[in-house]
Amino acid sequence: MLGLTWDEVDFENNIIQVVRTLDNEAEDQAITVGTKTTAGTRAIEIDDEIVEVLQAQKRIVEKYKDAAGELYQDHNLVCPTSIGTPWNPSNLRRSLYRIIHKAGVTRVKFHELRHSHASISVKSGANIKALSTKLGHSSIRVTLDMYSHVIPGMQREGLAKFRDEINNSTFAESKWSLQ
């Protein structure tokens, strides 16, 4: 997220390309082309609500540029500091904790938000292959290994949906019916 530039946000097709990372270990917090793994380089489909949030963020960044003037260091980042530089992850973490404290909710680490998103997606019946790609996992096996704990009960739900489908389809009326 901290390495995402506006060049990778496609508002027309509702896609974000994940192709860069913030190398926080580098002295100048360099934005590097490439991700930790091959699967990490990916396209993520976004919906209209996320597009609206990104467009609002773009307006905020423009205000940063106007306010900072020539002090602004334009790295074309989606989430820059008020002077255009990459966020220090520690500062981002502290900001998240302040928001969590004000909201009065359980404190979580930033990366746990990713796990929450994935768990809720699995529970809601998201396509595992699509979710695996979105998360940048090398295979659906990695995704299933990490999030199988949220699947109990889903087999029964799947069986019920399957039964409804075959009972309400032309298959049920055919000579090959299981009746």
Protein backbone atom coordinates (compact mmCIF):
# COMPACT_ATOMS: atom_id res chain seq x y z
CA MET A 1 0.00 0.00 0.00
CA LEU A 2 2.77 2.43 0.88
CA GLY A 3 4.49 1.82 -2.46
CA LEU A 4 1.37 2.22 -4.60
CA THR A 5 1.56 5.02 -7.15
CA TRP A 6 -1.22 6.64 -9.14
CA ASP A 7 0.22 5.05 -12.30
CA GLU A 8 -1.02 1.68 -11.01
CA VAL A 9 -4.59 2.84 -10.34
CA ASP A 10 -6.84 2.33 -13.37
CA PHE A 11 -10.04 4.26 -12.64
CA GLU A 12 -11.63 3.35 -15.98
CA ASN A 13 -11.35 -0.41 -15.48
CA ASN A 14 -11.51 -0.43 -11.66
CA ILE A 15 -8.16 -2.17 -11.25
CA ILE A 16 -5.12 -1.61 -9.06
CA GLN A 17 -1.85 -3.09 -10.28
CA VAL A 18 0.42 -4.19 -7.44
CA VAL A 19 3.90 -3.90 -8.95
CA ARG A 20 5.97 -1.91 -6.43
CA THR A 21 6.89 -2.01 -2.79
CA LEU A 22 8.25 0.40 -0.26
CA ASP A 23 11.70 -0.73 0.83
CA ASN A 24 11.69 0.62 4.35
CA GLU A 25 15.17 -0.80 5.01
CA ALA A 26 16.69 1.48 2.39
CA GLU A 27 18.10 4.73 3.74
CA ASP A 28 15.73 6.86 1.68
CA GLN A 29 12.73 4.49 1.90
CA ALA A 30 12.99 3.67 -1.79
CA ILE A 31 10.00 2.64 -3.87
CA THR A 32 11.18 -0.43 -5.75
CA VAL A 33 9.72 -2.10 -8.80
CA GLY A 34 8.75 -5.66 -8.00
CA THR A 35 7.15 -7.43 -5.08
CA LYS A 36 8.36 -9.96 -2.53
CA THR A 37 7.16 -12.87 -4.68
CA THR A 38 6.09 -13.41 -8.29
CA ALA A 39 2.51 -13.97 -7.12
CA GLY A 40 2.70 -10.67 -5.24
CA THR A 41 2.75 -8.81 -8.55
CA ARG A 42 -0.92 -8.80 -9.44
CA ALA A 43 -4.01 -6.94 -10.58
CA ILE A 44 -6.72 -6.35 -8.00
CA GLU A 45 -10.24 -5.57 -9.11
CA ILE A 46 -11.92 -2.83 -7.09
CA ASP A 47 -15.51 -1.69 -6.88
CA ASP A 48 -17.06 1.74 -7.31
CA GLU A 49 -16.93 2.46 -3.57
CA ILE A 50 -13.16 1.94 -3.51
CA VAL A 51 -12.84 4.08 -6.64
CA GLU A 52 -14.66 6.90 -4.81
CA VAL A 53 -12.32 6.57 -1.82
CA LEU A 54 -9.29 6.68 -4.13
CA GLN A 55 -10.64 9.73 -5.97
CA ALA A 56 -11.12 11.47 -2.61
CA GLN A 57 -7.55 10.50 -1.69
CA LYS A 58 -6.33 12.00 -4.94
CA ARG A 59 -7.99 15.30 -4.01
CA ILE A 60 -6.29 15.17 -0.59
CA VAL A 61 -2.90 14.61 -2.24
CA GLU A 62 -3.52 17.62 -4.50
CA LYS A 63 -4.18 19.73 -1.38
CA TYR A 64 -0.91 18.46 0.10
CA LYS A 65 0.90 19.58 -3.06
CA ASP A 66 -0.69 23.04 -2.97
CA ALA A 67 0.01 23.53 0.73
CA ALA A 68 3.63 22.31 0.60
CA GLY A 69 4.50 24.12 -2.62
CA GLU A 70 8.10 23.56 -3.65
CA LEU A 71 8.77 21.52 -0.49
CA TYR A 72 6.54 18.77 -1.90
CA GLN A 73 8.55 15.77 -3.12
CA ASP A 74 6.32 14.23 -5.76
CA HIS A 75 6.79 10.47 -5.90
CA ASN A 76 3.28 10.07 -7.35
CA LEU A 77 2.27 8.05 -4.27
CA VAL A 78 -1.34 7.24 -3.49
CA CYS A 79 -0.61 7.48 0.25
CA PRO A 80 2.16 10.05 0.75
CA THR A 81 2.94 12.17 3.76
CA SER A 82 1.86 15.81 3.59
CA ILE A 83 5.16 16.64 1.82
CA GLY A 84 4.97 13.76 -0.67
CA THR A 85 7.45 11.38 0.91
CA PRO A 86 6.64 7.75 1.67
CA TRP A 87 5.08 7.05 5.04
CA ASN A 88 7.28 5.44 7.63
CA PRO A 89 5.44 2.21 8.55
CA SER A 90 5.92 3.00 12.26
CA ASN A 91 4.07 6.29 11.82
CA LEU A 92 1.30 4.52 9.92
CA ARG A 93 1.02 2.00 12.74
CA ARG A 94 0.79 4.76 15.36
CA SER A 95 -1.92 6.50 13.32
CA LEU A 96 -3.88 3.25 13.05
CA TYR A 97 -3.64 2.73 16.82
CA ARG A 98 -4.94 6.27 17.46
CA ILE A 99 -7.91 5.61 15.18
CA ILE A 100 -8.59 2.28 16.89
CA HIS A 101 -8.39 3.89 20.32
CA LYS A 102 -10.84 6.66 19.32
CA ALA A 103 -13.21 4.08 17.85
CA GLY A 104 -13.07 2.03 21.04
CA VAL A 105 -12.51 -1.25 19.22
CA THR A 106 -10.04 -4.06 19.81
CA ARG A 107 -6.50 -3.12 18.87
CA VAL A 108 -5.19 -4.99 15.85
CA LYS A 109 -1.98 -4.81 13.87
CA PHE A 110 -2.17 -3.35 10.39
CA HIS A 111 -1.50 -6.73 8.74
CA GLU A 112 -4.36 -8.27 10.73
CA LEU A 113 -6.74 -6.12 8.70
CA ARG A 114 -5.67 -8.16 5.68
CA HIS A 115 -6.42 -11.40 7.54
CA SER A 116 -9.80 -10.07 8.65
CA HIS A 117 -10.66 -9.18 5.06
CA ALA A 118 -9.63 -12.65 3.87
CA SER A 119 -11.51 -14.46 6.66
CA ILE A 120 -14.69 -12.50 6.06
CA SER A 121 -14.37 -13.08 2.31
CA VAL A 122 -14.03 -16.84 2.79
CA LYS A 123 -16.96 -16.92 5.22
CA SER A 124 -19.14 -14.99 2.79
CA GLY A 125 -18.47 -17.52 0.06
CA ALA A 126 -15.93 -15.63 -2.03
CA ASN A 127 -14.30 -17.50 -4.87
CA ILE A 128 -11.12 -18.92 -3.31
CA LYS A 129 -9.10 -18.65 -6.53
CA ALA A 130 -10.01 -14.97 -6.94
CA LEU A 131 -9.26 -14.30 -3.27
CA SER A 132 -5.94 -16.12 -3.51
CA THR A 133 -4.96 -13.97 -6.49
CA LYS A 134 -6.06 -10.77 -4.73
CA LEU A 135 -3.98 -11.67 -1.67
CA GLY A 136 -0.94 -12.46 -3.82
CA HIS A 137 -0.70 -16.06 -2.69
CA SER A 138 1.26 -18.44 -4.88
CA SER A 139 -1.64 -20.91 -4.99
CA ILE A 140 -5.12 -21.51 -3.61
CA ARG A 141 -3.55 -24.12 -1.37
CA VAL A 142 -1.76 -21.34 0.57
CA THR A 143 -5.06 -19.48 0.95
CA LEU A 144 -6.94 -22.58 2.06
CA ASP A 145 -4.20 -23.53 4.52
CA MET A 146 -4.34 -20.07 6.10
CA TYR A 147 -8.11 -19.61 6.17
CA SER A 148 -9.60 -23.11 6.42
CA HIS A 149 -10.49 -22.39 10.06
CA VAL A 150 -13.39 -20.24 8.87
CA ILE A 151 -14.80 -22.94 6.60
CA PRO A 152 -16.59 -25.25 9.10
CA GLY A 153 -20.28 -25.33 8.26
CA MET A 154 -19.61 -24.17 4.73
CA GLN A 155 -19.64 -27.78 3.49
CA ARG A 156 -23.23 -28.19 4.73
CA GLU A 157 -24.19 -24.88 3.14
CA GLY A 158 -22.56 -25.98 -0.11
CA LEU A 159 -24.38 -29.30 -0.04
CA ALA A 160 -27.70 -27.54 0.55
CA LYS A 161 -27.04 -25.19 -2.38
CA PHE A 162 -26.04 -28.14 -4.56
CA ARG A 163 -29.20 -30.05 -3.61
CA ASP A 164 -31.37 -27.00 -4.34
CA GLU A 165 -29.68 -26.56 -7.70
CA ILE A 166 -30.17 -30.15 -8.87
CA ASN A 167 -33.72 -30.32 -7.51
CA ASN A 168 -34.70 -27.11 -9.30
CA SER A 169 -32.91 -27.72 -12.57
CA THR A 170 -33.76 -29.48 -15.77
CA PHE A 171 -31.52 -32.26 -14.49
CA ALA A 172 -34.21 -33.20 -11.96
CA GLU A 173 -36.70 -33.58 -14.81
CA SER A 174 -34.44 -35.65 -17.06
CA LYS A 175 -34.34 -39.42 -17.38
CA TRP A 176 -30.96 -39.31 -15.63
CA SER A 177 -32.49 -38.05 -12.42
CA LEU A 178 -31.40 -39.74 -9.20
CA GLN A 179 -34.98 -40.38 -8.10
